[in-house]
């Protein structure tokens, strides 16, 4: 014989404080709520509308440089520390929390091409057109802002050729620089320990893999992307694109995946195990893509372009989920994603560094449990009704500058014209004479080993 006992818990109906809302018992059985789907659809529609209403991505600007921003570098140990370099050779150390310059340094006599922190966060390294590699000790950087002071370099290495980029290996005192060739420097012995050449005129960007630390990638001026293994004496592989790649970035969560920013307005994600075609082509920019960076989670890519916009792409989608722009922001030169996955930094031609929210509608600051649960509930509703026409239209709609909209229309006309011409050729040719070529296979010319 079963005996049913009545049970009443005080937590189910009593308020914690008098300012809390009254708790009302509710049945969650589907039969008791026949109009639940309609209510959820209206809530999803309201949630996606409020998302657009509260989309205020720009956090502020960091000004102080006297020329175009050339590179950004984030400290590996401190979330609020950043370094930037400019075309006049100056380097500045920033505190992102206060948006103020901690101290400045006279980096190079001419253009400072690249800067990077070592993985331990003890030194900042830089290269410039004056054929030197310089380092600054981070322990000498003051905690309080001293914008009038100038930090002297800790070490200076003199090279034989001009250098255009650099990257530091994780776990080893090895610094890679690029220019007319790729050089590996031992920072303890202050000498070049190895050089790589593969018939390339010049190399303008180089990056160490943060996980597979012996893998090194570079972008060259002959439209090629080079891969090196620093344990070997010769380069590993090379893939040649239709147009030049400006910058590359490694996925921090998938060591075999990297992305490149190309002159043909696209971002390409590659798998080093098969370079014959990219994994995915990220489109939407209307001018050459200059800089890019992965999010710390490895799920998104931020790209900056000469069309004066910043776009955020999901790694598995071809079109951007977000576009950022301002009236005063000019052509982008570099972008970076902060280590806490909350902010994006961009440098541009008009000497400003801007800070953006990674999610334009995200509420900053501490949240109560009820606010967190409400935001999670809204996210699930938007995900559930994402394919509905009204929800999809509101979620995808973005206001863009007039020159971007006009360029997008022009590119659409060009694509339709090419497609129509190819269809006409296929119609008036022998079967199989004009094959169908997927978009991913159109932009890679050759892979060499």
Protein backbone atom coordinates (compact mmCIF):
# COMPACT_ATOMS: atom_id res chain seq x y z
CA UNK A 1 0.00 0.00 0.00
CA UNK A 2 1.41 3.39 -1.04
CA UNK A 3 0.98 6.33 1.23
CA UNK A 4 1.26 9.83 -0.28
CA UNK A 5 2.64 12.43 2.08
CA UNK A 6 2.01 16.12 1.73
CA UNK A 7 5.20 18.14 1.86
CA UNK A 8 5.62 21.88 1.98
CA UNK A 9 9.03 23.53 1.88
CA UNK A 10 9.33 27.09 3.16
CA UNK A 11 11.77 27.96 0.40
CA UNK A 12 9.02 27.35 -2.18
CA UNK A 13 6.77 30.19 -1.05
CA UNK A 14 8.65 32.45 1.40
CA UNK A 15 10.68 35.44 0.18
CA UNK A 16 14.29 35.80 1.27
CA UNK A 17 13.83 39.54 1.85
CA UNK A 18 10.91 41.92 1.69
CA UNK A 19 12.37 43.46 -1.47
CA UNK A 20 12.24 40.14 -3.30
CA UNK A 21 9.36 39.24 -5.61
CA UNK A 22 6.56 36.98 -4.40
CA UNK A 23 6.95 33.32 -5.28
CA UNK A 24 3.92 31.85 -6.98
CA UNK A 25 3.49 28.08 -7.41
CA UNK A 26 3.27 27.11 -11.07
CA UNK A 27 2.61 23.88 -12.92
CA UNK A 28 5.08 23.15 -15.74
CA UNK A 29 2.98 20.43 -17.37
CA UNK A 30 2.52 21.13 -21.12
CA UNK A 31 -1.22 20.50 -20.93
CA UNK A 32 -1.59 23.41 -18.53
CA UNK A 33 0.03 25.84 -21.03
CA UNK A 34 -1.42 25.35 -24.52
CA UNK A 35 -0.18 28.80 -25.70
CA UNK A 36 3.37 28.39 -24.41
CA UNK A 37 4.95 28.28 -27.92
CA UNK A 38 3.33 31.57 -28.89
CA UNK A 39 4.46 33.26 -25.71
CA UNK A 40 8.02 32.01 -26.20
CA UNK A 41 8.06 33.31 -29.78
CA UNK A 42 7.03 36.80 -28.60
CA UNK A 43 9.69 36.67 -25.89
CA UNK A 44 12.32 35.66 -28.44
CA UNK A 45 11.25 38.51 -30.70
CA UNK A 46 11.47 40.98 -27.82
CA UNK A 47 14.86 39.57 -26.77
CA UNK A 48 16.40 40.00 -30.21
CA UNK A 49 14.97 43.53 -30.46
CA UNK A 50 16.43 44.48 -27.09
CA UNK A 51 19.74 43.00 -28.21
CA UNK A 52 19.84 45.54 -31.05
CA UNK A 53 18.66 48.37 -28.80
CA UNK A 54 21.47 47.84 -26.28
CA UNK A 55 24.19 47.24 -28.92
CA UNK A 56 26.73 49.89 -27.89
CA UNK A 57 30.10 48.29 -28.73
CA UNK A 58 32.54 51.21 -28.53
CA UNK A 59 34.11 51.50 -25.07
CA UNK A 60 36.55 54.34 -25.70
CA UNK A 61 39.73 55.43 -27.47
CA UNK A 62 43.36 55.50 -26.40
CA UNK A 63 45.06 58.52 -27.94
CA UNK A 64 48.63 59.74 -27.64
CA UNK A 65 50.47 58.42 -30.68
CA UNK A 66 51.64 60.91 -33.27
CA UNK A 67 51.43 58.63 -36.30
CA UNK A 68 49.52 55.63 -37.65
CA UNK A 69 49.34 52.59 -35.35
CA UNK A 70 51.49 49.77 -36.71
CA UNK A 71 51.14 46.94 -34.16
CA UNK A 72 49.46 45.90 -30.89
CA UNK A 73 50.68 43.40 -28.30
CA UNK A 74 48.87 42.12 -25.19
CA UNK A 75 50.74 41.12 -22.04
CA UNK A 76 50.61 37.39 -21.36
CA UNK A 77 50.23 37.65 -17.55
CA UNK A 78 48.39 40.92 -16.94
CA UNK A 79 44.99 41.42 -18.56
CA UNK A 80 45.09 45.20 -18.36
CA UNK A 81 48.55 45.78 -19.88
CA UNK A 82 49.10 46.41 -23.57
CA UNK A 83 51.84 47.81 -25.79
CA UNK A 84 51.46 49.62 -29.10
CA UNK A 85 53.82 50.91 -31.77
CA UNK A 86 53.46 53.60 -34.40
CA UNK A 87 54.91 54.51 -37.77
CA UNK A 88 57.12 57.20 -36.19
CA UNK A 89 58.98 54.54 -34.17
CA UNK A 90 57.39 55.32 -30.79
CA UNK A 91 56.24 52.54 -28.44
CA UNK A 92 53.73 53.09 -25.62
CA UNK A 93 52.73 50.90 -22.68
CA UNK A 94 49.06 51.18 -21.71
CA UNK A 95 46.82 50.39 -18.77
CA UNK A 96 43.51 49.35 -20.33
CA UNK A 97 41.57 49.83 -17.10
CA UNK A 98 42.37 53.54 -16.90
CA UNK A 99 42.96 53.99 -20.67
CA UNK A 100 46.16 55.90 -19.89
CA UNK A 101 49.78 55.63 -21.01
CA UNK A 102 52.02 54.10 -18.34
CA UNK A 103 55.23 55.11 -20.08
CA UNK A 104 56.50 55.65 -23.61
CA UNK A 105 59.69 54.50 -25.30
CA UNK A 106 61.65 55.64 -28.33
CA UNK A 107 61.51 52.35 -30.17
CA UNK A 108 63.28 52.85 -33.49
CA UNK A 109 64.58 55.70 -35.59
CA UNK A 110 62.09 54.90 -38.34
CA UNK A 111 59.00 52.72 -38.78
CA UNK A 112 58.43 50.19 -35.95
CA UNK A 113 57.20 47.15 -37.84
CA UNK A 114 56.28 44.74 -35.05
CA UNK A 115 56.19 44.18 -31.29
CA UNK A 116 55.59 41.12 -29.12
CA UNK A 117 55.81 40.10 -25.47
CA UNK A 118 57.76 37.00 -24.56
CA UNK A 119 55.53 34.20 -23.15
CA UNK A 120 56.86 34.77 -19.61
CA UNK A 121 55.86 38.44 -19.78
CA UNK A 122 59.33 39.68 -18.78
CA UNK A 123 60.34 41.54 -21.96
CA UNK A 124 58.81 43.38 -24.90
CA UNK A 125 60.58 42.86 -28.23
CA UNK A 126 60.37 45.10 -31.30
CA UNK A 127 61.80 45.35 -34.83
CA UNK A 128 61.99 48.30 -37.20
CA UNK A 129 63.32 49.61 -40.48
CA UNK A 130 66.62 50.56 -38.82
CA UNK A 131 67.76 46.86 -38.91
CA UNK A 132 67.68 46.48 -35.12
CA UNK A 133 65.89 44.24 -32.62
CA UNK A 134 65.27 45.89 -29.25
CA UNK A 135 63.91 44.67 -25.92
CA UNK A 136 62.41 46.44 -22.90
CA UNK A 137 62.27 45.01 -19.39
CA UNK A 138 58.68 44.89 -18.11
CA UNK A 139 59.87 45.22 -14.51
CA UNK A 140 61.00 48.77 -15.38
CA UNK A 141 57.49 49.79 -16.48
CA UNK A 142 55.84 51.85 -13.70
CA UNK A 143 52.48 50.87 -12.26
CA UNK A 144 51.30 54.48 -12.12
CA UNK A 145 51.14 56.54 -15.35
CA UNK A 146 54.28 58.51 -16.19
CA UNK A 147 53.61 59.79 -19.72
CA UNK A 148 56.44 62.34 -19.57
CA UNK A 149 59.10 59.66 -18.90
CA UNK A 150 60.90 57.64 -21.56
CA UNK A 151 61.88 54.00 -21.00
CA UNK A 152 65.36 53.11 -22.35
CA UNK A 153 65.83 49.77 -24.17
CA UNK A 154 67.30 46.87 -22.22
CA UNK A 155 69.05 45.18 -25.16
CA UNK A 156 69.69 46.00 -28.81
CA UNK A 157 70.60 43.46 -31.49
CA UNK A 158 71.91 44.72 -34.82
CA UNK A 159 70.92 42.79 -37.92
CA UNK A 160 72.24 42.88 -41.47
CA UNK A 161 68.88 43.40 -43.20
CA UNK A 162 65.64 45.26 -42.57
CA UNK A 163 63.10 43.27 -40.52
CA UNK A 164 59.33 43.51 -40.91
CA UNK A 165 57.92 41.18 -38.23
CA UNK A 166 58.79 39.04 -35.23
CA UNK A 167 57.42 36.34 -32.92
CA UNK A 168 58.69 34.69 -29.72
CA UNK A 169 58.70 30.93 -29.20
CA UNK A 170 56.90 29.55 -26.15
CA UNK A 171 59.20 27.87 -23.64
CA UNK A 172 62.46 28.63 -25.48
CA UNK A 173 64.69 31.74 -25.77
CA UNK A 174 64.12 31.84 -29.53
CA UNK A 175 62.95 34.93 -31.40
CA UNK A 176 61.92 34.68 -35.06
CA UNK A 177 62.22 37.70 -37.35
CA UNK A 178 61.30 38.09 -40.99
CA UNK A 179 62.33 40.35 -43.85
CA UNK A 180 64.35 39.23 -46.85
CA UNK A 181 64.55 35.86 -45.10
CA UNK A 182 63.43 34.18 -41.88
CA UNK A 183 65.94 34.30 -39.03
CA UNK A 184 65.94 32.59 -35.63
CA UNK A 185 67.68 34.57 -32.87
CA UNK A 186 68.88 33.13 -29.56
CA UNK A 187 68.04 35.89 -27.09
CA UNK A 188 70.57 34.59 -24.57
CA UNK A 189 73.51 34.48 -27.00
CA UNK A 190 72.35 37.58 -28.97
CA UNK A 191 73.08 35.87 -32.30
CA UNK A 192 71.26 34.39 -35.29
CA UNK A 193 71.29 30.60 -34.96
CA UNK A 194 69.47 29.72 -38.20
CA UNK A 195 68.17 31.25 -41.42
CA UNK A 196 65.54 29.99 -43.85
CA UNK A 197 65.16 30.87 -47.53
CA UNK A 198 62.78 29.52 -50.16
CA UNK A 199 63.02 31.76 -53.21
CA UNK A 200 60.89 34.50 -51.63
CA UNK A 201 61.50 38.19 -52.23
CA UNK A 202 60.38 39.32 -48.76
CA UNK A 203 58.34 38.07 -45.79
CA UNK A 204 56.16 40.58 -43.95
CA UNK A 205 54.48 38.57 -41.16
CA UNK A 206 55.56 35.67 -38.97
CA UNK A 207 53.90 33.81 -36.07
CA UNK A 208 54.87 30.93 -33.78
CA UNK A 209 52.23 28.34 -33.01
CA UNK A 210 51.31 28.83 -29.31
CA UNK A 211 50.59 25.13 -28.74
CA UNK A 212 52.85 23.22 -31.15
CA UNK A 213 55.67 25.57 -30.27
CA UNK A 214 58.14 24.32 -32.90
CA UNK A 215 55.79 25.20 -35.80
CA UNK A 216 56.29 28.61 -37.42
CA UNK A 217 54.11 30.27 -40.07
CA UNK A 218 54.84 33.25 -42.34
CA UNK A 219 53.21 35.32 -45.10
CA UNK A 220 55.36 36.33 -48.07
CA UNK A 221 55.08 38.96 -50.80
CA UNK A 222 54.96 36.35 -53.59
CA UNK A 223 51.40 35.41 -52.44
CA UNK A 224 52.66 32.37 -50.54
CA UNK A 225 52.11 31.11 -46.99
CA UNK A 226 55.15 29.34 -45.55
CA UNK A 227 55.33 26.76 -42.78
CA UNK A 228 58.54 25.96 -40.89
CA UNK A 229 59.62 23.44 -38.28
CA UNK A 230 62.39 25.06 -36.24
CA UNK A 231 63.81 21.59 -35.49
CA UNK A 232 64.64 21.17 -39.19
CA UNK A 233 66.97 23.11 -41.45
CA UNK A 234 64.58 23.61 -44.36
CA UNK A 235 61.02 24.95 -44.63
CA UNK A 236 58.24 22.35 -44.54
CA UNK A 237 55.49 23.45 -46.92
CA UNK A 238 54.27 26.36 -48.96
CA UNK A 239 50.85 27.22 -50.37
CA UNK A 240 50.44 29.90 -53.05
CA UNK A 241 47.25 31.96 -53.14
CA UNK A 242 45.77 34.13 -55.88
CA UNK A 243 46.57 37.33 -53.96
CA UNK A 244 48.90 38.25 -51.12
CA UNK A 245 48.13 37.39 -47.50
CA UNK A 246 48.78 40.26 -45.07
CA UNK A 247 48.72 38.55 -41.67
CA UNK A 248 48.22 35.13 -40.11
CA UNK A 249 47.00 33.93 -36.73
CA UNK A 250 47.01 30.50 -35.08
CA UNK A 251 43.95 29.03 -33.39
CA UNK A 252 44.83 28.76 -29.66
CA UNK A 253 42.57 25.71 -29.16
CA UNK A 254 43.25 23.79 -32.39
CA UNK A 255 47.01 23.75 -33.02
CA UNK A 256 46.70 22.61 -36.64
CA UNK A 257 44.34 25.44 -37.73
CA UNK A 258 45.37 28.94 -38.74
CA UNK A 259 43.73 31.87 -40.54
CA UNK A 260 45.13 34.44 -42.95
CA UNK A 261 43.93 37.92 -43.93
CA UNK A 262 44.07 38.30 -47.70
CA UNK A 263 44.12 41.13 -50.22
CA UNK A 264 41.06 39.69 -52.00
CA UNK A 265 38.78 40.94 -49.16
CA UNK A 266 38.49 37.47 -47.56
CA UNK A 267 39.78 35.62 -44.50
CA UNK A 268 40.81 31.99 -45.06
CA UNK A 269 40.99 29.26 -42.40
CA UNK A 270 43.46 26.45 -43.20
CA UNK A 271 44.34 23.07 -41.76
CA UNK A 272 48.10 22.45 -41.98
CA UNK A 273 47.43 18.76 -42.66
CA UNK A 274 45.80 19.64 -46.01
CA UNK A 275 46.58 22.98 -47.65
CA UNK A 276 45.04 22.24 -51.05
CA UNK A 277 41.94 24.17 -50.08
CA UNK A 278 40.88 26.23 -47.05
CA UNK A 279 38.52 24.89 -44.43
CA UNK A 280 36.22 27.87 -44.86
CA UNK A 281 36.20 31.26 -46.59
CA UNK A 282 35.07 34.17 -44.40
CA UNK A 283 33.55 36.85 -46.64
CA UNK A 284 31.83 40.24 -46.17
CA UNK A 285 34.66 42.80 -46.23
CA UNK A 286 34.70 45.19 -49.18
CA UNK A 287 38.45 45.99 -49.17
CA UNK A 288 41.74 44.28 -48.37
CA UNK A 289 41.84 42.61 -44.94
CA UNK A 290 44.93 43.85 -43.08
CA UNK A 291 44.84 42.28 -39.62
CA UNK A 292 43.11 39.46 -37.74
CA UNK A 293 43.20 37.63 -34.43
CA UNK A 294 41.53 34.60 -32.83
CA UNK A 295 39.48 34.80 -29.68
CA UNK A 296 40.99 32.98 -26.64
CA UNK A 297 38.28 30.33 -27.00
CA UNK A 298 39.28 29.65 -30.62
CA UNK A 299 35.65 29.91 -31.76
CA UNK A 300 35.69 33.36 -33.37
CA UNK A 301 37.93 35.56 -35.52
CA UNK A 302 38.13 39.36 -35.57
CA UNK A 303 39.36 41.02 -38.77
CA UNK A 304 40.18 44.64 -39.62
CA UNK A 305 40.09 45.94 -43.16
CA UNK A 306 40.89 48.93 -45.38
CA UNK A 307 37.12 49.45 -45.71
CA UNK A 308 37.27 51.08 -42.22
CA UNK A 309 35.26 48.32 -40.52
CA UNK A 310 35.90 45.52 -38.02
CA UNK A 311 34.07 42.24 -38.52
CA UNK A 312 33.68 39.28 -36.17
CA UNK A 313 33.32 35.83 -37.74
CA UNK A 314 32.42 32.52 -36.18
CA UNK A 315 35.02 29.94 -37.17
CA UNK A 316 32.43 27.65 -38.76
CA UNK A 317 30.49 30.35 -40.65
CA UNK A 318 31.34 32.21 -43.83
CA UNK A 319 29.61 35.49 -43.01
CA UNK A 320 30.26 37.87 -40.14
CA UNK A 321 28.03 37.98 -37.08
CA UNK A 322 28.97 41.58 -36.22
CA UNK A 323 30.40 44.69 -37.89
CA UNK A 324 31.86 47.69 -36.01
CA UNK A 325 32.54 51.13 -37.44
CA UNK A 326 32.65 54.80 -36.46
CA UNK A 327 32.62 58.03 -38.44
CA UNK A 328 36.17 58.97 -37.49
CA UNK A 329 37.84 55.58 -37.75
CA UNK A 330 39.95 55.28 -40.88
CA UNK A 331 41.69 52.29 -42.44
CA UNK A 332 42.47 49.53 -39.95
CA UNK A 333 46.09 48.45 -39.50
CA UNK A 334 45.90 45.91 -36.64
CA UNK A 335 43.41 44.20 -34.31
CA UNK A 336 43.74 42.14 -31.12
CA UNK A 337 41.39 40.13 -28.88
CA UNK A 338 41.97 40.44 -25.12
CA UNK A 339 42.80 37.36 -23.06
CA UNK A 340 39.57 37.53 -21.04
CA UNK A 341 37.47 37.22 -24.24
CA UNK A 342 35.53 40.40 -23.45
CA UNK A 343 37.13 43.17 -25.50
CA UNK A 344 38.61 43.84 -28.94
CA UNK A 345 41.34 46.39 -29.61
CA UNK A 346 41.91 48.04 -32.98
CA UNK A 347 44.56 50.39 -34.35
CA UNK A 348 44.01 52.58 -37.39
CA UNK A 349 45.58 55.24 -39.59
CA UNK A 350 44.28 58.21 -37.64
CA UNK A 351 46.58 57.47 -34.65
CA UNK A 352 43.90 56.09 -32.30
CA UNK A 353 43.50 52.76 -30.53
CA UNK A 354 39.88 51.86 -29.89
CA UNK A 355 38.42 49.41 -27.40
CA UNK A 356 35.25 47.50 -28.35
CA UNK A 357 33.06 44.97 -26.60
CA UNK A 358 33.30 41.47 -28.06
CA UNK A 359 29.51 41.24 -27.69
CA UNK A 360 27.98 44.58 -28.56
CA UNK A 361 24.88 44.05 -26.38
CA UNK A 362 26.64 42.54 -23.36
CA UNK A 363 26.03 44.18 -19.99
CA UNK A 364 29.29 44.87 -18.20
CA UNK A 365 29.84 44.62 -14.48
CA UNK A 366 28.61 42.13 -11.87
CA UNK A 367 25.24 40.46 -12.49
CA UNK A 368 22.77 39.02 -10.02
CA UNK A 369 21.71 35.41 -10.31
CA UNK A 370 18.30 36.41 -11.58
CA UNK A 371 19.87 38.58 -14.30
CA UNK A 372 22.15 35.75 -15.38
CA UNK A 373 19.27 33.28 -15.57
CA UNK A 374 17.17 35.79 -17.55
CA UNK A 375 20.01 36.36 -20.04
CA UNK A 376 20.57 32.61 -20.41
CA UNK A 377 16.83 32.11 -20.96
CA UNK A 378 16.80 34.82 -23.66
CA UNK A 379 19.82 33.24 -25.38
CA UNK A 380 18.06 29.88 -25.50
CA UNK A 381 14.92 31.50 -26.90
CA UNK A 382 16.92 33.27 -29.62
CA UNK A 383 18.64 30.00 -30.46
CA UNK A 384 15.32 28.13 -30.59
CA UNK A 385 13.61 30.66 -32.89
CA UNK A 386 16.70 31.70 -34.88
CA UNK A 387 15.28 30.35 -38.16
CA UNK A 388 12.02 32.29 -37.95
CA UNK A 389 11.97 35.07 -40.59
CA UNK A 390 11.29 38.03 -38.30
CA UNK A 391 13.80 36.95 -35.67
CA UNK A 392 16.43 36.20 -38.30
CA UNK A 393 15.93 39.53 -40.09
CA UNK A 394 16.27 41.58 -36.89
CA UNK A 395 19.29 39.58 -35.68
CA UNK A 396 21.15 39.92 -39.00
CA UNK A 397 20.38 43.55 -39.82
CA UNK A 398 23.30 46.00 -39.39
CA UNK A 399 23.74 49.63 -40.34
CA UNK A 400 26.94 50.12 -42.37
CA UNK A 401 28.56 53.24 -43.88
CA UNK A 402 27.42 54.34 -47.31
CA UNK A 403 30.73 53.52 -48.99
CA UNK A 404 30.57 49.96 -47.63
CA UNK A 405 26.98 49.51 -48.83
CA UNK A 406 27.84 50.84 -52.31
CA UNK A 407 30.92 48.60 -52.54
CA UNK A 408 28.85 45.59 -51.47
CA UNK A 409 26.32 46.29 -54.23
CA UNK A 410 29.11 46.65 -56.78
CA UNK A 411 30.73 43.37 -55.71
CA UNK A 412 27.34 41.65 -55.92
CA UNK A 413 26.95 42.84 -59.51
CA UNK A 414 30.45 41.57 -60.36
CA UNK A 415 29.77 38.15 -58.82
CA UNK A 416 26.46 37.80 -60.65
CA UNK A 417 28.11 38.80 -63.93
CA UNK A 418 30.85 36.18 -63.50
CA UNK A 419 28.30 33.54 -62.58
CA UNK A 420 26.16 34.39 -65.60
CA UNK A 421 29.18 34.32 -67.93
CA UNK A 422 30.28 30.94 -66.58
CA UNK A 423 26.76 29.55 -67.00
CA UNK A 424 26.68 30.76 -70.63
CA UNK A 425 30.05 29.17 -71.35
CA UNK A 426 28.92 25.91 -69.79
CA UNK A 427 25.69 25.96 -71.79
CA UNK A 428 27.49 26.42 -75.13
CA UNK A 429 30.39 24.02 -74.47
CA UNK A 430 30.81 20.27 -74.49
CA UNK A 431 29.59 18.51 -71.35
CA UNK A 432 32.35 18.63 -68.72
CA UNK A 433 34.43 21.23 -70.56
CA UNK A 434 33.55 23.94 -68.00
CA UNK A 435 33.51 22.16 -64.63
CA UNK A 436 31.91 23.46 -61.47
CA UNK A 437 34.62 24.77 -59.12
CA UNK A 438 33.70 25.18 -55.43
CA UNK A 439 34.41 28.54 -53.82
CA UNK A 440 37.03 27.04 -51.49
CA UNK A 441 39.08 25.73 -54.43
CA UNK A 442 39.12 28.95 -56.46
CA UNK A 443 41.69 30.86 -54.43
CA UNK A 444 44.52 28.33 -53.92
CA UNK A 445 46.88 28.00 -56.88
CA UNK A 446 49.44 25.44 -55.71
CA UNK A 447 50.77 23.59 -52.70
CA UNK A 448 54.52 22.85 -52.54
CA UNK A 449 56.45 20.61 -50.18
